[in-house]
C-alpha cells in the first residue's frame, strides 16, 4: 500500500505539471500519448500521436496502471477527479474526459492548469462538491483550494478510472499515456505508465 500511494502521488504530480516535481527531477514535464512500438528492457518506444517514435527510459520501479471504463453516473459528490475541459458558454467548461481517482489520491495537487490534450484545454484536479443532471448532460461543480469550476459532461465523453496492470501489459500496439520528464539533452524518462489494457485508450 505504501508503494502504491507513493506511485499515485508521482502520477498526480506529473499530471499537475508540479513545479516542485519538475525541479526535483531537473527536467521539463512532457506528456506522451500514442501506442507502444517496442519494449526493450527498461526502454519504452512509443509511436506518439504526433507521428514520430519516441524512446522513454522507465525507472527501475516504474509504476504501471491500467485504465477501465466508468460512467458519468459513477461520479458522486465527494469524489476526487481529474477533468480535461475546454471553455464553454455561460462561464462553464465542457469536459473532454474525466478520470475518477482512487481515494488515496484525494487532495493531491489540487488545482486547475493548462493541459495539452487539445488546444486551449485545461486540467482540473478537484473534489466534486455537487453533481446534478441537466438537459445537456451531467454537470459537476469541482472545488479546489483557490476556487471552483462548473463543468458539463456531454454524452459520450470518456469517463474512466484506474485498473490493475503489469509489465506484461506493455506490449506493441497497446495504447499508452506516459507522463514523462524531458532532460536538458532531450532524453525522456518516466516513473509511471498508464496502459490501455482493457480495451480503453487512456483519454487524458
N, C-alpha and C. Protein backbone atom coordinates (compact mmCIF):
# COMPACT_ATOMS: atom_id res chain seq x y z
N UNK A 1 0.84 -1.20 0.00
CA UNK A 1 0.00 0.00 0.00
C UNK A 1 0.87 1.25 0.00
N UNK A 2 2.00 1.21 0.76
CA UNK A 2 2.87 2.37 0.79
C UNK A 2 3.44 2.65 -0.59
N UNK A 3 3.82 1.58 -1.32
CA UNK A 3 4.38 1.76 -2.66
C UNK A 3 3.34 2.30 -3.62
N UNK A 4 2.08 1.77 -3.52
CA UNK A 4 1.02 2.24 -4.39
C UNK A 4 0.73 3.71 -4.16
N UNK A 5 0.67 4.13 -2.89
CA UNK A 5 0.40 5.53 -2.59
C UNK A 5 1.52 6.42 -3.13
N UNK A 6 2.77 6.01 -2.96
CA UNK A 6 3.89 6.79 -3.46
C UNK A 6 3.82 6.92 -4.98
N UNK A 7 3.49 5.82 -5.66
CA UNK A 7 3.37 5.85 -7.12
C UNK A 7 2.23 6.75 -7.55
N UNK A 8 1.11 6.69 -6.82
CA UNK A 8 -0.04 7.52 -7.15
C UNK A 8 0.31 9.00 -7.06
N UNK A 9 1.05 9.36 -6.01
CA UNK A 9 1.44 10.76 -5.85
C UNK A 9 2.36 11.20 -6.98
N UNK A 10 3.24 10.30 -7.41
CA UNK A 10 4.11 10.64 -8.55
C UNK A 10 3.29 10.93 -9.79
N UNK A 11 2.27 10.12 -10.03
CA UNK A 11 1.44 10.32 -11.22
C UNK A 11 0.69 11.63 -11.17
N UNK A 12 0.01 11.88 -10.06
CA UNK A 12 -0.79 13.10 -10.00
C UNK A 12 0.10 14.33 -10.02
N UNK A 13 1.31 14.23 -9.45
CA UNK A 13 2.24 15.35 -9.50
C UNK A 13 2.63 15.67 -10.92
N UNK A 14 2.85 14.64 -11.73
CA UNK A 14 3.20 14.88 -13.12
C UNK A 14 2.02 15.40 -13.90
N UNK A 15 0.83 14.85 -13.65
CA UNK A 15 -0.36 15.32 -14.34
C UNK A 15 -0.58 16.80 -14.05
N UNK A 16 -0.26 17.23 -12.87
CA UNK A 16 -0.48 18.62 -12.49
C UNK A 16 0.66 19.52 -12.91
N UNK A 17 1.65 18.98 -13.60
CA UNK A 17 2.82 19.76 -14.00
C UNK A 17 3.41 20.48 -12.80
N UNK A 18 3.55 19.72 -11.73
CA UNK A 18 4.03 20.29 -10.48
C UNK A 18 5.39 20.93 -10.62
N UNK A 19 5.49 22.18 -10.21
CA UNK A 19 6.75 22.89 -10.29
C UNK A 19 7.79 22.22 -9.41
N UNK A 20 7.38 21.79 -8.22
CA UNK A 20 8.34 21.18 -7.31
C UNK A 20 8.85 19.86 -7.86
N UNK A 21 7.99 19.06 -8.46
CA UNK A 21 8.42 17.79 -9.01
C UNK A 21 9.34 18.01 -10.18
N UNK A 22 9.00 18.94 -11.05
CA UNK A 22 9.84 19.22 -12.21
C UNK A 22 11.23 19.66 -11.76
N UNK A 23 11.26 20.50 -10.75
CA UNK A 23 12.55 20.99 -10.26
C UNK A 23 13.36 19.85 -9.66
N UNK A 24 12.65 18.97 -8.92
CA UNK A 24 13.35 17.87 -8.29
C UNK A 24 13.95 16.93 -9.32
N UNK A 25 13.25 16.75 -10.45
CA UNK A 25 13.73 15.86 -11.49
C UNK A 25 14.63 16.60 -12.48
N UNK A 26 14.79 17.91 -12.27
CA UNK A 26 15.65 18.72 -13.12
C UNK A 26 15.30 18.52 -14.59
N UNK A 27 14.02 18.59 -14.89
CA UNK A 27 13.58 18.40 -16.26
C UNK A 27 12.24 19.06 -16.50
N UNK A 28 11.75 18.90 -17.71
CA UNK A 28 10.50 19.53 -18.13
C UNK A 28 9.42 18.47 -18.26
N UNK A 29 8.26 18.64 -17.59
CA UNK A 29 7.18 17.68 -17.75
C UNK A 29 6.75 17.59 -19.21
N UNK A 30 6.66 16.38 -19.72
CA UNK A 30 6.28 16.14 -21.11
C UNK A 30 5.34 14.94 -21.14
N UNK A 31 4.17 15.11 -21.75
CA UNK A 31 3.21 14.02 -21.81
C UNK A 31 3.26 13.37 -23.19
N UNK A 32 3.36 12.05 -23.20
CA UNK A 32 3.43 11.29 -24.45
C UNK A 32 2.18 10.44 -24.57
N UNK A 33 1.48 10.57 -25.67
CA UNK A 33 0.27 9.79 -25.94
C UNK A 33 0.48 9.04 -27.25
N UNK A 34 0.13 7.78 -27.29
CA UNK A 34 0.30 7.02 -28.52
C UNK A 34 0.17 5.53 -28.27
N UNK A 35 0.86 4.73 -29.10
CA UNK A 35 0.83 3.28 -28.95
C UNK A 35 2.26 2.76 -28.82
N UNK A 36 2.41 1.68 -28.09
CA UNK A 36 3.73 1.10 -27.89
C UNK A 36 4.27 0.53 -29.20
N UNK A 37 5.49 0.93 -29.54
CA UNK A 37 6.16 0.38 -30.71
C UNK A 37 7.04 -0.79 -30.31
N UNK A 38 7.69 -0.68 -29.15
CA UNK A 38 8.57 -1.75 -28.67
C UNK A 38 8.91 -1.52 -27.21
N UNK A 39 9.31 -2.60 -26.55
CA UNK A 39 9.82 -2.53 -25.19
C UNK A 39 11.13 -3.32 -25.17
N UNK A 40 12.19 -2.65 -24.74
CA UNK A 40 13.50 -3.29 -24.69
C UNK A 40 14.08 -3.05 -23.31
N UNK A 41 13.89 -4.02 -22.43
CA UNK A 41 14.34 -3.83 -21.06
C UNK A 41 13.62 -2.67 -20.40
N UNK A 42 14.39 -1.68 -19.98
CA UNK A 42 13.80 -0.51 -19.34
C UNK A 42 13.51 0.63 -20.29
N UNK A 43 13.54 0.37 -21.59
CA UNK A 43 13.27 1.42 -22.57
C UNK A 43 11.95 1.15 -23.28
N UNK A 44 11.08 2.14 -23.23
CA UNK A 44 9.77 2.07 -23.87
C UNK A 44 9.79 2.95 -25.11
N UNK A 45 9.47 2.37 -26.27
CA UNK A 45 9.36 3.15 -27.50
C UNK A 45 7.89 3.31 -27.84
N UNK A 46 7.48 4.55 -28.08
CA UNK A 46 6.07 4.86 -28.31
C UNK A 46 5.91 5.62 -29.62
N UNK A 47 5.01 5.16 -30.46
CA UNK A 47 4.63 5.92 -31.64
C UNK A 47 3.66 6.99 -31.18
N UNK A 48 4.15 8.22 -31.06
CA UNK A 48 3.38 9.30 -30.48
C UNK A 48 2.25 9.73 -31.42
N UNK A 49 1.22 10.34 -30.85
CA UNK A 49 0.09 10.78 -31.67
C UNK A 49 0.51 11.81 -32.70
N UNK A 50 1.63 12.49 -32.45
CA UNK A 50 2.14 13.47 -33.41
C UNK A 50 2.88 12.80 -34.57
N UNK A 51 3.16 11.50 -34.45
CA UNK A 51 3.77 10.78 -35.56
C UNK A 51 5.07 10.07 -35.28
N UNK A 52 6.08 10.74 -34.71
CA UNK A 52 7.38 10.08 -34.54
C UNK A 52 7.38 9.06 -33.41
N UNK A 53 8.33 8.13 -33.49
CA UNK A 53 8.55 7.19 -32.41
C UNK A 53 9.51 7.83 -31.41
N UNK A 54 9.12 7.85 -30.15
CA UNK A 54 9.97 8.43 -29.12
C UNK A 54 10.36 7.33 -28.14
N UNK A 55 11.56 7.42 -27.58
CA UNK A 55 12.01 6.45 -26.61
C UNK A 55 12.01 7.07 -25.22
N UNK A 56 11.57 6.29 -24.26
CA UNK A 56 11.42 6.77 -22.89
C UNK A 56 12.08 5.77 -21.95
N UNK A 57 12.98 6.25 -21.12
CA UNK A 57 13.62 5.40 -20.12
C UNK A 57 12.69 5.26 -18.93
N UNK A 58 12.34 4.03 -18.58
CA UNK A 58 11.47 3.77 -17.44
C UNK A 58 12.30 3.56 -16.18
N UNK A 59 11.84 4.13 -15.09
CA UNK A 59 12.52 3.94 -13.81
C UNK A 59 12.52 2.45 -13.45
N UNK A 60 13.53 2.00 -12.70
CA UNK A 60 13.58 0.58 -12.33
C UNK A 60 12.32 0.08 -11.63
N UNK A 61 11.69 0.94 -10.84
CA UNK A 61 10.46 0.57 -10.13
C UNK A 61 9.25 1.26 -10.74
N UNK A 62 9.26 1.38 -12.08
CA UNK A 62 8.20 2.11 -12.78
C UNK A 62 6.81 1.60 -12.36
N UNK A 63 5.92 2.55 -12.09
CA UNK A 63 4.54 2.19 -11.77
C UNK A 63 3.75 2.01 -13.05
N UNK A 64 2.95 0.98 -13.10
CA UNK A 64 2.14 0.69 -14.29
C UNK A 64 0.69 0.52 -13.86
N UNK A 65 -0.18 1.29 -14.46
CA UNK A 65 -1.61 1.19 -14.16
C UNK A 65 -2.39 1.04 -15.45
N UNK A 66 -3.45 0.25 -15.37
CA UNK A 66 -4.36 0.13 -16.49
C UNK A 66 -5.45 1.19 -16.40
N UNK A 67 -6.34 1.15 -17.34
CA UNK A 67 -7.45 2.11 -17.36
C UNK A 67 -8.70 1.34 -17.77
N UNK A 68 -9.80 1.61 -17.09
CA UNK A 68 -11.04 0.93 -17.44
C UNK A 68 -12.18 1.93 -17.49
N UNK A 69 -13.20 1.56 -18.22
CA UNK A 69 -14.34 2.46 -18.42
C UNK A 69 -15.17 2.58 -17.16
N UNK A 70 -15.65 3.78 -16.93
CA UNK A 70 -16.64 4.05 -15.89
C UNK A 70 -17.77 4.82 -16.59
N UNK A 71 -18.63 5.44 -15.84
CA UNK A 71 -19.70 6.23 -16.44
C UNK A 71 -19.92 7.50 -15.65
N UNK A 72 -20.57 8.46 -16.29
CA UNK A 72 -20.83 9.74 -15.64
C UNK A 72 -21.64 9.55 -14.36
N UNK A 73 -22.53 8.55 -14.36
CA UNK A 73 -23.36 8.32 -13.18
C UNK A 73 -22.56 7.78 -11.99
N UNK A 74 -21.32 7.32 -12.26
CA UNK A 74 -20.47 6.84 -11.18
C UNK A 74 -19.87 7.98 -10.36
N UNK A 75 -19.88 9.19 -10.91
CA UNK A 75 -19.24 10.33 -10.24
C UNK A 75 -20.19 10.89 -9.19
N UNK A 76 -19.74 10.84 -7.96
CA UNK A 76 -20.58 11.26 -6.84
C UNK A 76 -19.94 12.43 -6.10
N UNK A 77 -20.78 13.15 -5.36
CA UNK A 77 -20.27 14.22 -4.50
C UNK A 77 -19.24 13.64 -3.53
N UNK A 78 -18.10 14.33 -3.43
CA UNK A 78 -17.03 13.87 -2.57
C UNK A 78 -15.93 13.14 -3.31
N UNK A 79 -16.18 12.71 -4.54
CA UNK A 79 -15.14 12.04 -5.32
C UNK A 79 -14.06 13.04 -5.73
N UNK A 80 -12.86 12.52 -5.93
CA UNK A 80 -11.75 13.33 -6.42
C UNK A 80 -11.50 12.94 -7.87
N UNK A 81 -11.56 13.93 -8.77
CA UNK A 81 -11.49 13.64 -10.19
C UNK A 81 -10.49 14.57 -10.88
N UNK A 82 -10.07 14.14 -12.05
CA UNK A 82 -9.31 14.99 -12.94
C UNK A 82 -10.10 15.14 -14.22
N UNK A 83 -10.41 16.36 -14.61
CA UNK A 83 -11.23 16.61 -15.78
C UNK A 83 -10.51 17.53 -16.76
N UNK A 84 -10.32 17.05 -17.97
CA UNK A 84 -9.80 17.90 -19.04
C UNK A 84 -10.99 18.59 -19.69
N UNK A 85 -10.89 19.91 -19.85
CA UNK A 85 -12.04 20.68 -20.33
C UNK A 85 -11.62 21.72 -21.35
N UNK A 86 -12.63 22.21 -22.06
CA UNK A 86 -12.49 23.36 -22.94
C UNK A 86 -13.47 24.43 -22.49
N UNK A 87 -13.18 25.71 -22.72
CA UNK A 87 -14.13 26.77 -22.34
C UNK A 87 -15.47 26.56 -23.04
N UNK A 88 -16.54 26.85 -22.31
CA UNK A 88 -17.90 26.72 -22.86
C UNK A 88 -18.69 27.98 -22.52
N UNK A 89 -19.93 28.02 -22.99
CA UNK A 89 -20.76 29.20 -22.78
C UNK A 89 -21.18 29.32 -21.31
N UNK A 90 -21.49 30.54 -20.93
CA UNK A 90 -22.01 30.79 -19.60
C UNK A 90 -20.99 30.66 -18.48
N UNK A 91 -19.71 30.75 -18.83
CA UNK A 91 -18.68 30.66 -17.81
C UNK A 91 -18.40 29.24 -17.36
N UNK A 92 -19.05 28.27 -17.97
CA UNK A 92 -18.80 26.88 -17.61
C UNK A 92 -17.70 26.31 -18.51
N UNK A 93 -17.36 25.06 -18.28
CA UNK A 93 -16.36 24.37 -19.09
C UNK A 93 -16.94 23.05 -19.56
N UNK A 94 -16.64 22.68 -20.78
CA UNK A 94 -17.12 21.41 -21.32
C UNK A 94 -16.05 20.34 -21.18
N UNK A 95 -16.40 19.22 -20.58
CA UNK A 95 -15.42 18.17 -20.34
C UNK A 95 -15.07 17.42 -21.62
N UNK A 96 -13.78 17.12 -21.77
CA UNK A 96 -13.29 16.25 -22.83
C UNK A 96 -13.14 14.82 -22.32
N UNK A 97 -12.84 14.68 -21.05
CA UNK A 97 -12.73 13.37 -20.40
C UNK A 97 -12.70 13.61 -18.91
N UNK A 98 -13.01 12.56 -18.16
CA UNK A 98 -12.94 12.63 -16.70
C UNK A 98 -12.30 11.35 -16.18
N UNK A 99 -11.33 11.51 -15.30
CA UNK A 99 -10.69 10.38 -14.61
C UNK A 99 -11.11 10.42 -13.15
N UNK A 100 -11.71 9.33 -12.68
CA UNK A 100 -12.08 9.22 -11.27
C UNK A 100 -10.89 8.61 -10.53
N UNK A 101 -10.27 9.41 -9.65
CA UNK A 101 -9.08 8.95 -8.95
C UNK A 101 -9.43 8.03 -7.78
N UNK A 102 -8.51 7.14 -7.42
CA UNK A 102 -8.70 6.35 -6.20
C UNK A 102 -8.71 7.27 -4.98
N UNK A 103 -9.31 6.82 -3.90
CA UNK A 103 -9.42 7.63 -2.69
C UNK A 103 -8.06 8.03 -2.15
N UNK A 104 -7.02 7.20 -2.40
CA UNK A 104 -5.69 7.51 -1.89
C UNK A 104 -5.10 8.76 -2.52
N UNK A 105 -5.65 9.20 -3.65
CA UNK A 105 -5.11 10.37 -4.34
C UNK A 105 -5.87 11.65 -4.01
N UNK A 106 -6.90 11.53 -3.22
CA UNK A 106 -7.73 12.70 -2.94
C UNK A 106 -6.92 13.81 -2.29
N UNK A 107 -7.02 15.03 -2.85
CA UNK A 107 -6.36 16.20 -2.28
C UNK A 107 -4.96 16.45 -2.80
N UNK A 108 -4.41 15.53 -3.58
CA UNK A 108 -3.04 15.70 -4.08
C UNK A 108 -3.01 16.66 -5.27
N UNK A 109 -2.21 17.72 -5.14
CA UNK A 109 -2.00 18.68 -6.23
C UNK A 109 -3.31 19.18 -6.84
N UNK A 110 -4.20 19.62 -5.99
CA UNK A 110 -5.46 20.18 -6.47
C UNK A 110 -5.21 21.47 -7.25
N UNK A 111 -6.07 21.73 -8.19
CA UNK A 111 -5.98 22.99 -8.92
C UNK A 111 -6.40 22.84 -10.36
N UNK A 112 -6.31 23.95 -11.08
CA UNK A 112 -6.69 24.00 -12.49
C UNK A 112 -5.54 24.64 -13.25
N UNK A 113 -5.11 24.01 -14.34
CA UNK A 113 -3.89 24.43 -15.03
C UNK A 113 -3.98 24.06 -16.51
N UNK A 114 -3.15 24.69 -17.36
CA UNK A 114 -3.17 24.38 -18.79
C UNK A 114 -2.85 22.91 -19.05
N UNK A 115 -3.46 22.36 -20.08
CA UNK A 115 -3.27 20.96 -20.46
C UNK A 115 -3.11 20.90 -21.97
N UNK A 116 -2.57 19.81 -22.47
CA UNK A 116 -2.28 19.74 -23.90
C UNK A 116 -3.04 18.62 -24.62
N UNK A 117 -4.18 18.21 -24.06
CA UNK A 117 -4.99 17.21 -24.75
C UNK A 117 -5.51 17.77 -26.07
N UNK A 118 -5.98 19.02 -26.01
CA UNK A 118 -6.35 19.78 -27.20
C UNK A 118 -5.90 21.22 -26.99
N UNK A 119 -5.90 21.99 -28.06
CA UNK A 119 -5.56 23.40 -27.94
C UNK A 119 -6.54 24.07 -26.98
N UNK A 120 -6.00 24.91 -26.08
CA UNK A 120 -6.79 25.67 -25.10
C UNK A 120 -7.45 24.82 -24.03
N UNK A 121 -7.03 23.57 -23.91
CA UNK A 121 -7.64 22.72 -22.87
C UNK A 121 -7.00 22.98 -21.52
N UNK A 122 -7.75 22.63 -20.49
CA UNK A 122 -7.34 22.82 -19.10
C UNK A 122 -7.57 21.52 -18.34
N UNK A 123 -6.71 21.23 -17.37
CA UNK A 123 -6.93 20.09 -16.48
C UNK A 123 -7.27 20.62 -15.09
N UNK A 124 -8.32 20.06 -14.52
CA UNK A 124 -8.71 20.44 -13.17
C UNK A 124 -8.75 19.19 -12.30
N UNK A 125 -7.92 19.18 -11.27
CA UNK A 125 -7.93 18.10 -10.27
C UNK A 125 -8.62 18.66 -9.04
N UNK A 126 -9.76 18.09 -8.68
CA UNK A 126 -10.55 18.70 -7.62
C UNK A 126 -11.58 17.73 -7.07
N UNK A 127 -12.19 18.15 -5.99
CA UNK A 127 -13.25 17.35 -5.36
C UNK A 127 -14.60 17.77 -5.91
N UNK A 128 -15.43 16.80 -6.19
CA UNK A 128 -16.78 17.07 -6.67
C UNK A 128 -17.62 17.55 -5.49
N UNK A 129 -18.04 18.81 -5.54
CA UNK A 129 -18.86 19.36 -4.45
C UNK A 129 -20.34 19.32 -4.78
N UNK A 130 -20.66 19.08 -6.06
CA UNK A 130 -22.06 18.97 -6.46
C UNK A 130 -22.12 18.23 -7.79
N UNK A 131 -23.11 17.36 -7.94
CA UNK A 131 -23.29 16.62 -9.19
C UNK A 131 -24.78 16.54 -9.48
N UNK A 132 -25.20 17.10 -10.62
CA UNK A 132 -26.62 17.13 -10.97
C UNK A 132 -26.80 16.75 -12.44
N UNK A 133 -28.01 16.38 -12.79
CA UNK A 133 -28.36 16.09 -14.18
C UNK A 133 -29.03 17.33 -14.78
N UNK A 134 -28.72 17.60 -16.05
CA UNK A 134 -29.36 18.71 -16.74
C UNK A 134 -29.74 18.27 -18.14
N UNK A 135 -30.39 19.16 -18.88
CA UNK A 135 -30.79 18.80 -20.24
C UNK A 135 -29.59 18.57 -21.14
N UNK A 136 -28.44 19.13 -20.79
CA UNK A 136 -27.24 18.99 -21.62
C UNK A 136 -26.33 17.86 -21.13
N UNK A 137 -26.76 17.15 -20.09
CA UNK A 137 -25.93 16.07 -19.55
C UNK A 137 -25.65 16.29 -18.08
N UNK A 138 -24.72 15.54 -17.56
CA UNK A 138 -24.38 15.66 -16.15
C UNK A 138 -23.52 16.90 -15.95
N UNK A 139 -23.77 17.62 -14.87
CA UNK A 139 -22.99 18.81 -14.53
C UNK A 139 -22.33 18.60 -13.17
N UNK A 140 -21.07 18.99 -13.10
CA UNK A 140 -20.30 18.86 -11.87
C UNK A 140 -19.78 20.21 -11.42
N UNK A 141 -19.75 20.42 -10.13
CA UNK A 141 -19.03 21.55 -9.56
C UNK A 141 -17.78 21.00 -8.90
N UNK A 142 -16.62 21.43 -9.39
CA UNK A 142 -15.34 20.96 -8.86
C UNK A 142 -14.74 22.06 -8.00
N UNK A 143 -14.38 21.70 -6.79
CA UNK A 143 -13.86 22.68 -5.84
C UNK A 143 -12.43 22.33 -5.44
N UNK A 144 -11.58 23.37 -5.46
CA UNK A 144 -10.17 23.21 -5.07
C UNK A 144 -9.79 24.43 -4.23
N UNK A 145 -8.63 24.43 -3.59
CA UNK A 145 -8.32 25.48 -2.61
C UNK A 145 -8.45 26.91 -3.10
N UNK A 146 -8.14 27.16 -4.37
CA UNK A 146 -8.14 28.54 -4.86
C UNK A 146 -9.38 28.90 -5.67
N UNK A 147 -10.36 28.00 -5.74
CA UNK A 147 -11.56 28.35 -6.50
C UNK A 147 -12.41 27.13 -6.80
N UNK A 148 -13.27 27.29 -7.80
CA UNK A 148 -14.14 26.20 -8.21
C UNK A 148 -14.45 26.35 -9.69
N UNK A 149 -14.95 25.29 -10.29
CA UNK A 149 -15.27 25.30 -11.71
C UNK A 149 -16.50 24.45 -11.95
N UNK A 150 -17.42 24.96 -12.76
CA UNK A 150 -18.58 24.19 -13.18
C UNK A 150 -18.30 23.59 -14.55
N UNK A 151 -18.48 22.29 -14.66
CA UNK A 151 -18.23 21.64 -15.94
C UNK A 151 -19.44 20.80 -16.35
N UNK A 152 -19.65 20.71 -17.63
CA UNK A 152 -20.70 19.85 -18.17
C UNK A 152 -20.05 18.64 -18.82
N UNK A 153 -20.72 17.51 -18.70
CA UNK A 153 -20.23 16.26 -19.27
C UNK A 153 -21.14 15.87 -20.43
N UNK A 154 -20.77 16.24 -21.66
CA UNK A 154 -21.60 15.86 -22.81
C UNK A 154 -21.68 14.34 -22.93
N UNK A 155 -22.77 13.86 -23.51
CA UNK A 155 -22.94 12.42 -23.69
C UNK A 155 -21.80 11.86 -24.54
N UNK A 156 -21.29 10.72 -24.12
CA UNK A 156 -20.30 10.03 -24.92
C UNK A 156 -18.85 10.33 -24.61
N UNK A 157 -18.58 11.32 -23.73
CA UNK A 157 -17.17 11.59 -23.42
C UNK A 157 -16.61 10.46 -22.56
N UNK A 158 -15.31 10.19 -22.65
CA UNK A 158 -14.73 9.12 -21.84
C UNK A 158 -14.76 9.46 -20.35
N UNK A 159 -15.25 8.53 -19.56
CA UNK A 159 -15.15 8.59 -18.11
C UNK A 159 -14.47 7.30 -17.69
N UNK A 160 -13.34 7.41 -17.00
CA UNK A 160 -12.53 6.23 -16.71
C UNK A 160 -12.03 6.25 -15.27
N UNK A 161 -11.47 5.13 -14.87
CA UNK A 161 -10.79 5.03 -13.59
C UNK A 161 -9.61 4.07 -13.77
N UNK A 162 -8.74 3.99 -12.78
CA UNK A 162 -7.56 3.14 -12.91
C UNK A 162 -7.92 1.66 -12.71
N UNK A 163 -7.08 0.80 -13.29
CA UNK A 163 -7.23 -0.64 -13.15
C UNK A 163 -5.86 -1.25 -12.92
N UNK A 164 -5.83 -2.49 -12.51
CA UNK A 164 -4.56 -3.18 -12.32
C UNK A 164 -3.86 -3.40 -13.66
N UNK A 165 -2.54 -3.38 -13.63
CA UNK A 165 -1.73 -3.66 -14.82
C UNK A 165 -0.35 -4.07 -14.38
N UNK A 166 0.40 -4.67 -15.30
CA UNK A 166 1.75 -5.11 -15.00
C UNK A 166 2.62 -4.90 -16.23
N UNK A 167 3.90 -5.20 -16.08
CA UNK A 167 4.83 -5.06 -17.20
C UNK A 167 4.41 -5.92 -18.38
N UNK A 168 3.70 -7.00 -18.14
CA UNK A 168 3.25 -7.88 -19.22
C UNK A 168 2.26 -7.17 -20.14
N UNK A 169 1.62 -6.11 -19.65
CA UNK A 169 0.66 -5.36 -20.47
C UNK A 169 1.35 -4.38 -21.41
N UNK A 170 2.65 -4.14 -21.20
CA UNK A 170 3.38 -3.22 -22.06
C UNK A 170 3.88 -3.98 -23.28
N UNK A 171 3.05 -4.06 -24.28
CA UNK A 171 3.39 -4.81 -25.48
C UNK A 171 3.03 -3.99 -26.72
N UNK A 172 3.70 -4.26 -27.84
CA UNK A 172 3.46 -3.47 -29.06
C UNK A 172 1.99 -3.40 -29.43
N UNK A 173 1.57 -2.18 -29.78
CA UNK A 173 0.19 -1.94 -30.17
C UNK A 173 -0.70 -1.45 -29.05
N UNK A 174 -0.24 -1.59 -27.81
CA UNK A 174 -1.07 -1.15 -26.69
C UNK A 174 -1.05 0.37 -26.58
N UNK A 175 -2.21 1.00 -26.40
CA UNK A 175 -2.25 2.45 -26.24
C UNK A 175 -1.74 2.86 -24.87
N UNK A 176 -1.00 3.96 -24.81
CA UNK A 176 -0.44 4.41 -23.53
C UNK A 176 -0.53 5.92 -23.39
N UNK A 177 -0.50 6.34 -22.14
CA UNK A 177 -0.31 7.74 -21.75
C UNK A 177 0.87 7.72 -20.80
N UNK A 178 1.90 8.50 -21.13
CA UNK A 178 3.12 8.48 -20.33
C UNK A 178 3.45 9.89 -19.85
N UNK A 179 3.29 10.18 -18.56
CA UNK A 179 3.73 11.46 -18.01
C UNK A 179 5.25 11.38 -17.80
N UNK A 180 5.98 11.98 -18.72
CA UNK A 180 7.44 11.85 -18.72
C UNK A 180 8.11 13.16 -18.32
N UNK A 181 9.42 13.08 -18.19
CA UNK A 181 10.24 14.25 -17.91
C UNK A 181 11.31 14.36 -18.99
N UNK A 182 11.45 15.54 -19.57
CA UNK A 182 12.46 15.76 -20.60
C UNK A 182 13.67 16.44 -19.98
N UNK A 183 14.84 15.82 -20.13
CA UNK A 183 16.09 16.37 -19.62
C UNK A 183 16.63 17.43 -20.58
N UNK A 184 17.67 18.11 -20.15
CA UNK A 184 18.26 19.18 -20.96
C UNK A 184 18.76 18.66 -22.30
N UNK A 185 19.16 17.38 -22.36
CA UNK A 185 19.66 16.82 -23.62
C UNK A 185 18.54 16.27 -24.49
N UNK A 186 17.29 16.44 -24.06
CA UNK A 186 16.16 16.00 -24.86
C UNK A 186 15.68 14.59 -24.55
N UNK A 187 16.41 13.86 -23.73
CA UNK A 187 16.02 12.48 -23.41
C UNK A 187 14.80 12.48 -22.47
N UNK A 188 13.99 11.44 -22.59
CA UNK A 188 12.77 11.33 -21.80
C UNK A 188 12.89 10.19 -20.80
N UNK A 189 12.31 10.40 -19.62
CA UNK A 189 12.26 9.35 -18.60
C UNK A 189 10.91 9.43 -17.90
N UNK A 190 10.53 8.32 -17.27
CA UNK A 190 9.24 8.31 -16.58
C UNK A 190 9.28 7.36 -15.40
N UNK A 191 8.44 7.65 -14.42
CA UNK A 191 8.25 6.77 -13.27
C UNK A 191 6.88 6.12 -13.32
N UNK A 192 6.09 6.39 -14.39
CA UNK A 192 4.72 5.90 -14.42
C UNK A 192 4.24 5.76 -15.86
N UNK A 193 3.52 4.68 -16.13
CA UNK A 193 2.92 4.45 -17.44
C UNK A 193 1.46 4.03 -17.24
N UNK A 194 0.56 4.67 -17.97
CA UNK A 194 -0.85 4.26 -17.98
C UNK A 194 -1.09 3.55 -19.30
N UNK A 195 -1.53 2.30 -19.24
CA UNK A 195 -1.69 1.49 -20.45
C UNK A 195 -3.16 1.07 -20.61
N UNK A 196 -3.63 1.11 -21.83
CA UNK A 196 -4.99 0.68 -22.12
C UNK A 196 -5.05 -0.83 -22.25
N UNK A 197 -5.12 -1.51 -21.12
CA UNK A 197 -5.07 -2.97 -21.11
C UNK A 197 -6.44 -3.62 -21.05
N UNK A 198 -7.51 -2.81 -21.08
CA UNK A 198 -8.86 -3.36 -21.00
C UNK A 198 -9.75 -2.84 -22.12
N UNK A 199 -9.12 -2.58 -23.27
CA UNK A 199 -9.88 -2.13 -24.42
C UNK A 199 -10.24 -0.66 -24.40
N UNK A 200 -9.64 0.09 -23.48
CA UNK A 200 -9.91 1.52 -23.37
C UNK A 200 -8.62 2.29 -23.60
N UNK A 201 -8.66 3.25 -24.50
CA UNK A 201 -7.50 4.10 -24.75
C UNK A 201 -7.43 5.15 -23.64
N UNK A 202 -6.27 5.30 -22.97
CA UNK A 202 -6.16 6.34 -21.94
C UNK A 202 -6.56 7.69 -22.54
N UNK A 203 -7.63 8.32 -22.05
CA UNK A 203 -8.15 9.52 -22.71
C UNK A 203 -7.53 10.83 -22.27
N UNK A 204 -6.66 10.78 -21.25
CA UNK A 204 -6.12 12.03 -20.71
C UNK A 204 -4.93 12.54 -21.49
